[in-house]
Amino acid sequence: MKIPNILTLLRILLIPVFVLLYYLPVEWAGLAAGAAFGLAAITDWFDGYLARKLDQASPFGAFLDPVADKLMVAIALVMLVETFASPWLTIPAVVIVGREIVISALREWMAEVGQRAHVAVSYIGKLKTTLQMIAILMLLVFTPGTTLSWVGVAALYLAAVLTIWSMIQYLRAAWPILSEDI
């Protein structure tokens, strides 16, 4: 088992950990859940870095890494939408999760037609992921209604804007293939 794949599996295993910690009936639950989420987010950066640095990229890792990311983000956003119970958080959460579904389907289809390279991860996509991880971390840790939770909501909106921007870039790159025989 390669180190990057171990880190990706660790990220998946940390999902139920941060969920359970988040719902503990203790004052420090958000902080503990944030720590577990933060550790999972750091493994996302390290697994990609190590895969390239150690030449340990694998088909298993290429498949599992984006699955782990999407699970982690979607589950955290669902928990936060429940906690905040506000359209101010629900709107960017819906945008982010909706975009992930669209782009996952697009990538799968592009791979089927042998054009996966047209929708490879971009710099904007990486920036979006970083910003949404920071936003989610803040929202897990800070109590709704506090100044720092509002900073987290603002960061989530910025991530949602980058989400839309990157989705448009991916769709534009794929459009020549998608629009054949319309």
Protein backbone atom coordinates (compact mmCIF):
# COMPACT_ATOMS: atom_id res chain seq x y z
CA MET A 1 0.00 0.00 0.00
CA LYS A 2 1.44 3.34 -1.08
CA ILE A 3 1.74 6.24 1.37
CA PRO A 4 -0.56 8.61 -0.58
CA ASN A 5 -3.27 5.93 -0.66
CA ILE A 6 -2.92 5.36 3.08
CA LEU A 7 -3.43 9.10 3.62
CA THR A 8 -6.52 9.08 1.39
CA LEU A 9 -7.96 6.13 3.31
CA LEU A 10 -7.17 7.94 6.56
CA ARG A 11 -9.14 10.94 5.26
CA ILE A 12 -12.15 8.70 4.66
CA LEU A 13 -11.80 7.11 8.10
CA LEU A 14 -11.70 10.58 9.69
CA ILE A 15 -15.15 11.43 8.29
CA PRO A 16 -17.16 9.46 10.88
CA VAL A 17 -14.73 10.67 13.53
CA PHE A 18 -15.44 14.36 12.87
CA VAL A 19 -19.17 13.64 12.59
CA LEU A 20 -19.24 11.84 15.95
CA LEU A 21 -17.11 14.51 17.60
CA TYR A 22 -19.33 17.28 16.22
CA TYR A 23 -22.44 15.80 17.79
CA LEU A 24 -20.94 15.08 21.21
CA PRO A 25 -22.90 16.90 23.92
CA VAL A 26 -19.84 18.72 25.22
CA GLU A 27 -18.66 22.30 24.93
CA TRP A 28 -15.49 21.39 23.00
CA ALA A 29 -17.26 19.25 20.37
CA GLY A 30 -16.88 21.83 17.58
CA LEU A 31 -13.20 22.31 18.31
CA ALA A 32 -12.57 18.55 18.35
CA ALA A 33 -14.56 18.05 15.13
CA GLY A 34 -12.63 20.92 13.55
CA ALA A 35 -9.34 19.32 14.55
CA ALA A 36 -10.35 16.01 12.94
CA PHE A 37 -11.61 17.82 9.83
CA GLY A 38 -8.41 19.89 9.68
CA LEU A 39 -6.28 16.76 9.90
CA ALA A 40 -8.32 15.20 7.09
CA ALA A 41 -7.93 18.36 4.99
CA ILE A 42 -4.16 18.34 5.49
CA THR A 43 -3.98 14.73 4.29
CA ASP A 44 -5.62 15.91 1.06
CA TRP A 45 -2.67 18.18 0.34
CA PHE A 46 -0.06 15.67 1.47
CA ASP A 47 -1.39 12.70 -0.48
CA GLY A 48 -1.17 14.57 -3.78
CA TYR A 49 2.22 16.04 -2.95
CA LEU A 50 3.67 12.68 -1.91
CA ALA A 51 2.17 10.88 -4.88
CA ARG A 52 4.09 13.24 -7.17
CA LYS A 53 7.24 13.55 -5.05
CA LEU A 54 7.63 9.81 -4.40
CA ASP A 55 6.31 8.83 -7.84
CA GLN A 56 3.56 6.84 -6.13
CA ALA A 57 0.57 7.89 -8.20
CA SER A 58 -1.82 5.01 -8.78
CA PRO A 59 -5.18 4.37 -10.45
CA PHE A 60 -6.62 3.54 -7.01
CA GLY A 61 -5.43 6.88 -5.63
CA ALA A 62 -6.64 8.79 -8.69
CA PHE A 63 -10.09 7.30 -8.13
CA LEU A 64 -10.27 7.49 -4.34
CA ASP A 65 -8.78 10.95 -3.73
CA PRO A 66 -11.62 12.97 -5.29
CA VAL A 67 -14.19 10.63 -3.73
CA ALA A 68 -12.70 11.26 -0.28
CA ASP A 69 -12.70 15.02 -0.87
CA LYS A 70 -16.29 15.14 -2.03
CA LEU A 71 -17.53 12.92 0.81
CA MET A 72 -15.70 14.99 3.39
CA VAL A 73 -16.99 18.32 2.10
CA ALA A 74 -20.57 17.20 1.42
CA ILE A 75 -20.98 15.56 4.82
CA ALA A 76 -19.52 18.56 6.65
CA LEU A 77 -21.76 20.96 4.71
CA VAL A 78 -24.88 18.90 5.47
CA MET A 79 -24.02 18.99 9.19
CA LEU A 80 -23.40 22.74 9.06
CA VAL A 81 -26.62 23.47 7.17
CA GLU A 82 -28.48 21.63 9.93
CA THR A 83 -26.66 23.52 12.69
CA PHE A 84 -26.90 26.99 11.17
CA ALA A 85 -30.45 26.45 9.83
CA SER A 86 -30.08 29.56 7.69
CA PRO A 87 -30.32 30.31 3.98
CA TRP A 88 -27.06 32.26 4.37
CA LEU A 89 -25.22 28.99 4.79
CA THR A 90 -27.55 26.78 2.76
CA ILE A 91 -27.12 28.73 -0.49
CA PRO A 92 -23.32 28.35 -0.83
CA ALA A 93 -23.56 24.75 0.44
CA VAL A 94 -26.07 23.88 -2.31
CA VAL A 95 -23.89 25.59 -4.92
CA ILE A 96 -20.80 23.67 -3.80
CA VAL A 97 -22.47 20.25 -3.57
CA GLY A 98 -24.37 20.80 -6.83
CA ARG A 99 -21.19 21.75 -8.66
CA GLU A 100 -19.42 18.65 -7.36
CA ILE A 101 -22.19 16.45 -8.74
CA VAL A 102 -22.12 18.18 -12.14
CA ILE A 103 -18.32 18.09 -12.47
CA SER A 104 -18.11 14.47 -11.28
CA ALA A 105 -20.62 13.46 -13.93
CA LEU A 106 -18.80 15.54 -16.55
CA ARG A 107 -15.44 13.97 -15.69
CA GLU A 108 -16.92 10.48 -15.81
CA TRP A 109 -18.50 11.12 -19.19
CA MET A 110 -15.37 12.78 -20.58
CA ALA A 111 -13.34 9.75 -19.47
CA GLU A 112 -15.80 7.46 -21.27
CA VAL A 113 -15.24 9.34 -24.52
CA GLY A 114 -11.47 9.45 -23.99
CA GLN A 115 -11.31 13.20 -23.30
CA ARG A 116 -10.65 13.26 -19.54
CA ALA A 117 -7.65 15.60 -19.96
CA HIS A 118 -10.04 18.40 -21.01
CA VAL A 119 -11.42 18.52 -17.47
CA ALA A 120 -8.29 17.97 -15.38
CA VAL A 121 -8.08 19.79 -12.05
CA SER A 122 -7.19 23.46 -12.51
CA TYR A 123 -5.52 26.05 -10.30
CA ILE A 124 -8.92 27.65 -9.63
CA GLY A 125 -10.22 24.23 -8.54
CA LYS A 126 -7.33 23.86 -6.09
CA LEU A 127 -7.87 27.37 -4.74
CA LYS A 128 -11.58 26.67 -4.37
CA THR A 129 -10.86 23.48 -2.43
CA THR A 130 -8.44 25.26 -0.09
CA LEU A 131 -10.87 28.08 0.59
CA GLN A 132 -13.81 25.76 1.21
CA MET A 133 -11.74 23.62 3.60
CA ILE A 134 -10.78 26.74 5.57
CA ALA A 135 -14.40 27.95 5.59
CA ILE A 136 -15.75 24.59 6.74
CA LEU A 137 -13.09 24.36 9.44
CA MET A 138 -14.09 27.79 10.75
CA LEU A 139 -17.78 26.92 10.65
CA LEU A 140 -17.20 23.66 12.53
CA VAL A 141 -15.17 25.37 15.26
CA PHE A 142 -16.98 28.67 15.82
CA THR A 143 -20.49 28.98 17.21
CA PRO A 144 -23.15 30.22 14.75
CA GLY A 145 -23.72 33.96 15.04
CA THR A 146 -20.22 34.82 16.25
CA THR A 147 -17.97 37.13 14.26
CA LEU A 148 -15.62 34.31 13.31
CA SER A 149 -18.51 32.12 12.15
CA TRP A 150 -19.60 34.97 9.86
CA VAL A 151 -16.04 35.13 8.52
CA GLY A 152 -16.42 31.39 7.80
CA VAL A 153 -19.72 32.04 5.98
CA ALA A 154 -18.04 34.79 3.93
CA ALA A 155 -15.19 32.42 3.07
CA LEU A 156 -17.76 29.80 2.04
CA TYR A 157 -19.36 32.36 -0.29
CA LEU A 158 -15.97 33.09 -1.85
CA ALA A 159 -15.48 29.34 -2.27
CA ALA A 160 -18.93 29.13 -3.90
CA VAL A 161 -17.97 31.90 -6.36
CA LEU A 162 -14.77 30.02 -7.23
CA THR A 163 -16.88 26.86 -7.49
CA ILE A 164 -19.09 28.46 -10.13
CA TRP A 165 -16.09 29.94 -11.93
CA SER A 166 -14.26 26.61 -12.07
CA MET A 167 -17.43 24.82 -13.19
CA ILE A 168 -17.81 27.30 -16.05
CA GLN A 169 -14.16 26.71 -17.02
CA TYR A 170 -14.65 22.93 -17.04
CA LEU A 171 -17.90 23.17 -19.01
CA ARG A 172 -16.33 25.54 -21.54
CA ALA A 173 -13.39 23.15 -22.00
CA ALA A 174 -15.78 20.25 -22.52
CA TRP A 175 -18.34 22.14 -24.63
CA PRO A 176 -16.90 21.27 -28.06
CA ILE A 177 -17.29 17.59 -27.23
CA LEU A 178 -20.59 18.00 -25.37
CA SER A 179 -22.16 20.01 -28.17
CA GLU A 180 -21.48 17.52 -30.97
CA ASP A 181 -24.73 16.42 -32.61
CA ILE A 182 -27.01 18.70 -30.59
